[in-house]
N, C-alpha and C. Protein backbone atom coordinates (compact mmCIF):
# COMPACT_ATOMS: atom_id res chain seq x y z
N MET A 1 -8.83 -5.95 -14.21
CA MET A 1 -9.54 -5.08 -13.29
C MET A 1 -8.95 -3.68 -13.38
N ALA A 2 -9.83 -2.72 -13.46
CA ALA A 2 -9.40 -1.32 -13.50
C ALA A 2 -8.98 -0.88 -12.10
N TYR A 3 -8.17 0.15 -12.05
CA TYR A 3 -7.75 0.69 -10.75
C TYR A 3 -8.04 2.18 -10.72
N SER A 4 -8.14 2.71 -9.52
CA SER A 4 -8.45 4.12 -9.33
C SER A 4 -7.23 4.98 -9.66
N GLU A 5 -7.30 5.68 -10.77
CA GLU A 5 -6.21 6.58 -11.13
C GLU A 5 -6.13 7.74 -10.15
N GLU A 6 -7.26 8.14 -9.60
CA GLU A 6 -7.28 9.22 -8.62
C GLU A 6 -6.49 8.81 -7.37
N LEU A 7 -6.72 7.60 -6.88
CA LEU A 7 -5.97 7.11 -5.72
C LEU A 7 -4.49 6.95 -6.06
N ASP A 8 -4.20 6.43 -7.23
CA ASP A 8 -2.81 6.29 -7.67
C ASP A 8 -2.11 7.65 -7.68
N ASP A 9 -2.79 8.67 -8.19
CA ASP A 9 -2.21 10.02 -8.22
C ASP A 9 -1.98 10.55 -6.80
N ARG A 10 -2.92 10.27 -5.89
CA ARG A 10 -2.76 10.71 -4.50
C ARG A 10 -1.54 10.05 -3.86
N VAL A 11 -1.39 8.74 -4.09
CA VAL A 11 -0.24 8.02 -3.53
C VAL A 11 1.05 8.61 -4.10
N GLU A 12 1.09 8.82 -5.39
CA GLU A 12 2.29 9.37 -6.01
C GLU A 12 2.62 10.76 -5.44
N ARG A 13 1.60 11.59 -5.29
CA ARG A 13 1.82 12.94 -4.77
C ARG A 13 2.33 12.91 -3.33
N LEU A 14 1.75 12.05 -2.51
CA LEU A 14 2.14 12.00 -1.09
C LEU A 14 3.51 11.35 -0.86
N THR A 15 3.98 10.58 -1.83
CA THR A 15 5.27 9.90 -1.66
C THR A 15 6.38 10.49 -2.53
N ALA A 16 6.09 11.53 -3.28
CA ALA A 16 7.06 12.11 -4.21
C ALA A 16 8.34 12.58 -3.52
N SER A 17 8.24 13.01 -2.29
CA SER A 17 9.42 13.53 -1.59
C SER A 17 10.24 12.43 -0.90
N TRP A 18 9.84 11.19 -1.02
CA TRP A 18 10.51 10.09 -0.32
C TRP A 18 11.86 9.71 -0.94
N GLY A 19 12.12 10.11 -2.14
CA GLY A 19 13.39 9.74 -2.77
C GLY A 19 13.18 8.78 -3.91
N ASN A 20 13.82 7.63 -3.86
CA ASN A 20 13.85 6.67 -4.95
C ASN A 20 12.55 5.88 -5.05
N THR A 21 11.49 6.52 -5.60
CA THR A 21 10.21 5.86 -5.76
C THR A 21 9.94 5.60 -7.23
N ALA A 22 9.10 4.61 -7.49
CA ALA A 22 8.72 4.26 -8.86
C ALA A 22 7.34 3.63 -8.84
N ARG A 23 6.71 3.59 -10.02
CA ARG A 23 5.42 2.94 -10.20
C ARG A 23 5.59 1.80 -11.19
N LYS A 24 4.81 0.73 -10.97
CA LYS A 24 4.89 -0.42 -11.85
C LYS A 24 3.51 -1.07 -11.92
N ARG A 25 3.07 -1.42 -13.13
CA ARG A 25 1.79 -2.09 -13.27
C ARG A 25 1.93 -3.55 -12.85
N MET A 26 1.07 -3.96 -11.90
CA MET A 26 1.06 -5.35 -11.41
C MET A 26 -0.32 -5.67 -10.85
N PHE A 27 -0.64 -6.95 -10.77
CA PHE A 27 -1.88 -7.41 -10.14
C PHE A 27 -3.13 -6.80 -10.76
N GLY A 28 -3.08 -6.33 -11.98
CA GLY A 28 -4.23 -5.67 -12.57
C GLY A 28 -4.41 -4.25 -12.08
N GLY A 29 -3.41 -3.75 -11.38
CA GLY A 29 -3.45 -2.38 -10.85
C GLY A 29 -2.07 -1.77 -11.02
N VAL A 30 -1.68 -0.97 -10.05
CA VAL A 30 -0.37 -0.35 -10.08
C VAL A 30 0.26 -0.47 -8.70
N CYS A 31 1.56 -0.72 -8.67
CA CYS A 31 2.29 -0.81 -7.41
C CYS A 31 3.28 0.35 -7.32
N HIS A 32 3.57 0.73 -6.10
CA HIS A 32 4.53 1.79 -5.83
C HIS A 32 5.71 1.15 -5.10
N LEU A 33 6.90 1.54 -5.54
CA LEU A 33 8.13 0.98 -4.98
C LEU A 33 8.97 2.08 -4.36
N LEU A 34 9.69 1.70 -3.32
CA LEU A 34 10.66 2.58 -2.68
C LEU A 34 11.97 1.82 -2.60
N ASP A 35 13.02 2.36 -3.19
CA ASP A 35 14.32 1.69 -3.26
C ASP A 35 14.19 0.29 -3.83
N GLY A 36 13.27 0.11 -4.80
CA GLY A 36 13.09 -1.17 -5.48
C GLY A 36 12.18 -2.15 -4.78
N ASN A 37 11.68 -1.82 -3.60
CA ASN A 37 10.79 -2.70 -2.85
C ASN A 37 9.36 -2.17 -2.89
N MET A 38 8.40 -3.06 -3.17
CA MET A 38 7.01 -2.64 -3.18
C MET A 38 6.59 -2.26 -1.77
N PHE A 39 5.90 -1.12 -1.65
CA PHE A 39 5.37 -0.71 -0.36
C PHE A 39 3.87 -0.48 -0.41
N ALA A 40 3.32 -0.21 -1.59
CA ALA A 40 1.89 0.04 -1.71
C ALA A 40 1.44 -0.25 -3.13
N GLY A 41 0.14 -0.36 -3.27
CA GLY A 41 -0.43 -0.55 -4.59
C GLY A 41 -1.88 -0.09 -4.59
N VAL A 42 -2.41 0.03 -5.78
CA VAL A 42 -3.81 0.39 -5.95
C VAL A 42 -4.45 -0.71 -6.77
N LEU A 43 -5.47 -1.33 -6.19
CA LEU A 43 -6.20 -2.40 -6.85
C LEU A 43 -7.68 -2.06 -6.75
N GLY A 44 -8.28 -1.78 -7.88
CA GLY A 44 -9.65 -1.28 -7.85
C GLY A 44 -9.67 0.08 -7.17
N GLU A 45 -10.52 0.22 -6.18
CA GLU A 45 -10.62 1.46 -5.41
C GLU A 45 -9.84 1.37 -4.10
N SER A 46 -9.19 0.24 -3.85
CA SER A 46 -8.55 -0.02 -2.56
C SER A 46 -7.04 0.16 -2.62
N LEU A 47 -6.48 0.34 -1.44
CA LEU A 47 -5.05 0.52 -1.25
C LEU A 47 -4.47 -0.77 -0.71
N ILE A 48 -3.38 -1.22 -1.30
CA ILE A 48 -2.66 -2.40 -0.82
C ILE A 48 -1.42 -1.88 -0.12
N LEU A 49 -1.13 -2.41 1.06
CA LEU A 49 0.04 -1.95 1.81
C LEU A 49 0.89 -3.11 2.30
N ARG A 50 2.19 -2.93 2.23
CA ARG A 50 3.16 -3.88 2.77
C ARG A 50 3.61 -3.34 4.13
N LEU A 51 3.19 -4.01 5.19
CA LEU A 51 3.45 -3.52 6.53
C LEU A 51 4.37 -4.42 7.35
N GLY A 52 4.65 -5.61 6.86
CA GLY A 52 5.38 -6.59 7.67
C GLY A 52 4.38 -7.38 8.50
N ASP A 53 4.81 -8.55 8.96
CA ASP A 53 3.89 -9.48 9.63
C ASP A 53 3.19 -8.88 10.85
N GLU A 54 3.94 -8.35 11.78
CA GLU A 54 3.33 -7.87 13.03
C GLU A 54 2.42 -6.66 12.80
N ALA A 55 2.88 -5.71 12.04
CA ALA A 55 2.08 -4.51 11.80
C ALA A 55 0.83 -4.85 10.98
N ALA A 56 0.92 -5.81 10.08
CA ALA A 56 -0.25 -6.21 9.28
C ALA A 56 -1.31 -6.84 10.18
N VAL A 57 -0.89 -7.70 11.10
CA VAL A 57 -1.84 -8.31 12.03
C VAL A 57 -2.51 -7.22 12.87
N ALA A 58 -1.75 -6.26 13.35
CA ALA A 58 -2.32 -5.16 14.13
C ALA A 58 -3.28 -4.33 13.27
N ALA A 59 -2.92 -4.08 12.02
CA ALA A 59 -3.76 -3.26 11.14
C ALA A 59 -5.10 -3.92 10.85
N LEU A 60 -5.12 -5.25 10.86
CA LEU A 60 -6.36 -5.97 10.58
C LEU A 60 -7.44 -5.70 11.63
N ARG A 61 -7.06 -5.15 12.76
CA ARG A 61 -8.03 -4.79 13.80
C ARG A 61 -8.70 -3.44 13.49
N SER A 62 -8.21 -2.72 12.51
CA SER A 62 -8.76 -1.42 12.15
C SER A 62 -9.94 -1.59 11.20
N PRO A 63 -10.95 -0.72 11.32
CA PRO A 63 -12.08 -0.78 10.38
C PRO A 63 -11.62 -0.55 8.95
N GLY A 64 -12.18 -1.32 8.03
CA GLY A 64 -11.87 -1.14 6.62
C GLY A 64 -10.58 -1.77 6.16
N VAL A 65 -9.99 -2.63 7.00
CA VAL A 65 -8.73 -3.29 6.64
C VAL A 65 -8.97 -4.80 6.61
N ARG A 66 -8.46 -5.43 5.56
CA ARG A 66 -8.64 -6.88 5.40
C ARG A 66 -7.36 -7.49 4.83
N PRO A 67 -7.24 -8.81 4.90
CA PRO A 67 -6.04 -9.45 4.34
C PRO A 67 -5.96 -9.24 2.82
N PHE A 68 -4.75 -9.17 2.31
CA PHE A 68 -4.53 -9.09 0.86
C PHE A 68 -4.51 -10.51 0.33
N ASP A 69 -5.52 -10.85 -0.47
CA ASP A 69 -5.69 -12.23 -0.93
C ASP A 69 -6.19 -12.22 -2.37
N LEU A 70 -5.31 -12.54 -3.31
CA LEU A 70 -5.69 -12.64 -4.72
C LEU A 70 -5.92 -14.08 -5.16
N THR A 71 -5.38 -15.03 -4.41
CA THR A 71 -5.35 -16.42 -4.87
C THR A 71 -6.04 -17.40 -3.94
N GLY A 72 -6.63 -16.93 -2.85
CA GLY A 72 -7.19 -17.85 -1.86
C GLY A 72 -6.23 -18.10 -0.71
N ARG A 73 -5.03 -17.54 -0.81
CA ARG A 73 -4.04 -17.63 0.25
C ARG A 73 -3.55 -16.23 0.57
N PRO A 74 -3.97 -15.66 1.70
CA PRO A 74 -3.57 -14.29 2.03
C PRO A 74 -2.05 -14.14 2.05
N MET A 75 -1.58 -13.00 1.58
CA MET A 75 -0.14 -12.71 1.60
C MET A 75 0.23 -12.16 2.97
N ARG A 76 1.15 -12.83 3.64
CA ARG A 76 1.59 -12.39 4.97
C ARG A 76 2.28 -11.04 4.86
N GLY A 77 1.97 -10.19 5.82
CA GLY A 77 2.63 -8.89 5.87
C GLY A 77 1.97 -7.82 5.02
N TRP A 78 0.93 -8.19 4.29
CA TRP A 78 0.23 -7.27 3.40
C TRP A 78 -1.22 -7.13 3.83
N VAL A 79 -1.81 -5.96 3.61
CA VAL A 79 -3.23 -5.74 3.88
C VAL A 79 -3.85 -4.93 2.74
N VAL A 80 -5.17 -4.97 2.69
CA VAL A 80 -5.94 -4.13 1.79
C VAL A 80 -6.72 -3.16 2.67
N VAL A 81 -6.64 -1.89 2.33
CA VAL A 81 -7.36 -0.85 3.06
C VAL A 81 -8.43 -0.31 2.12
N ASP A 82 -9.67 -0.38 2.56
CA ASP A 82 -10.78 0.09 1.73
C ASP A 82 -10.97 1.60 1.87
N PRO A 83 -11.56 2.25 0.86
CA PRO A 83 -11.60 3.71 0.78
C PRO A 83 -12.04 4.48 2.02
N PRO A 84 -13.03 4.06 2.77
CA PRO A 84 -13.39 4.89 3.93
C PRO A 84 -12.24 5.07 4.94
N ALA A 85 -11.32 4.15 4.98
CA ALA A 85 -10.23 4.21 5.95
C ALA A 85 -9.10 5.15 5.53
N PHE A 86 -9.13 5.65 4.29
CA PHE A 86 -8.09 6.61 3.85
C PHE A 86 -8.73 7.77 3.09
N ALA A 87 -9.89 8.21 3.59
CA ALA A 87 -10.68 9.22 2.88
C ALA A 87 -9.92 10.53 2.65
N GLY A 88 -9.21 11.03 3.64
CA GLY A 88 -8.47 12.28 3.47
C GLY A 88 -6.99 12.01 3.26
N ASP A 89 -6.28 13.03 2.81
CA ASP A 89 -4.84 12.88 2.59
C ASP A 89 -4.08 12.59 3.88
N GLU A 90 -4.56 13.12 5.01
CA GLU A 90 -3.88 12.85 6.27
C GLU A 90 -3.96 11.36 6.61
N ALA A 91 -5.14 10.76 6.47
CA ALA A 91 -5.30 9.33 6.75
C ALA A 91 -4.49 8.50 5.75
N LEU A 92 -4.55 8.85 4.47
CA LEU A 92 -3.78 8.11 3.47
C LEU A 92 -2.28 8.23 3.76
N GLY A 93 -1.84 9.43 4.10
CA GLY A 93 -0.43 9.63 4.42
C GLY A 93 0.03 8.80 5.60
N GLN A 94 -0.82 8.64 6.61
CA GLN A 94 -0.47 7.83 7.77
C GLN A 94 -0.31 6.36 7.37
N TRP A 95 -1.22 5.87 6.55
CA TRP A 95 -1.09 4.48 6.08
C TRP A 95 0.20 4.30 5.28
N LEU A 96 0.47 5.24 4.39
CA LEU A 96 1.67 5.14 3.56
C LEU A 96 2.94 5.23 4.42
N ASP A 97 2.92 6.04 5.45
CA ASP A 97 4.08 6.13 6.35
C ASP A 97 4.33 4.81 7.06
N HIS A 98 3.27 4.10 7.43
CA HIS A 98 3.45 2.77 8.05
C HIS A 98 4.16 1.82 7.09
N ALA A 99 3.74 1.85 5.82
CA ALA A 99 4.37 0.99 4.82
C ALA A 99 5.82 1.41 4.60
N ARG A 100 6.07 2.70 4.53
CA ARG A 100 7.44 3.19 4.33
C ARG A 100 8.35 2.74 5.48
N SER A 101 7.84 2.84 6.69
CA SER A 101 8.64 2.43 7.86
C SER A 101 9.09 0.99 7.74
N TYR A 102 8.20 0.12 7.28
CA TYR A 102 8.59 -1.29 7.12
C TYR A 102 9.56 -1.47 5.96
N VAL A 103 9.25 -0.91 4.81
CA VAL A 103 10.07 -1.14 3.62
C VAL A 103 11.48 -0.57 3.79
N LYS A 104 11.62 0.49 4.58
CA LYS A 104 12.96 1.05 4.81
C LYS A 104 13.85 0.07 5.60
N THR A 105 13.28 -0.95 6.22
CA THR A 105 14.08 -1.97 6.92
C THR A 105 14.63 -3.03 5.96
N LEU A 106 14.16 -3.02 4.72
CA LEU A 106 14.56 -4.03 3.74
C LEU A 106 15.76 -3.55 2.94
N PRO A 107 16.58 -4.48 2.45
CA PRO A 107 17.70 -4.07 1.61
C PRO A 107 17.21 -3.45 0.30
N THR A 108 17.94 -2.46 -0.18
CA THR A 108 17.62 -1.85 -1.48
C THR A 108 17.81 -2.87 -2.58
N LYS A 109 16.91 -2.84 -3.56
CA LYS A 109 17.04 -3.76 -4.70
C LYS A 109 17.61 -3.02 -5.89
């Protein structure tokens, strides 16, 4: 599956000042890591976010957000955000900040 290079570039630009970030091809798309932990990804035109269990459940109440499910079993703590929910850089930045907040609680890899 192809992924949106435009969205990938936006994620990279908005997270460039975060410090120890990296990109890695996974899931047929690209994932973004902070201190060695995945916090976001781009799959098709959608954004994948690692929010932690509680924040992911809360995010699922937002329009354009659904469980992250590649295998028929949703991944706990992860969500998929569809394009209308992150149309501008401000909205995308807010979603990415939520993921960063969770990943910063994890040990560095």
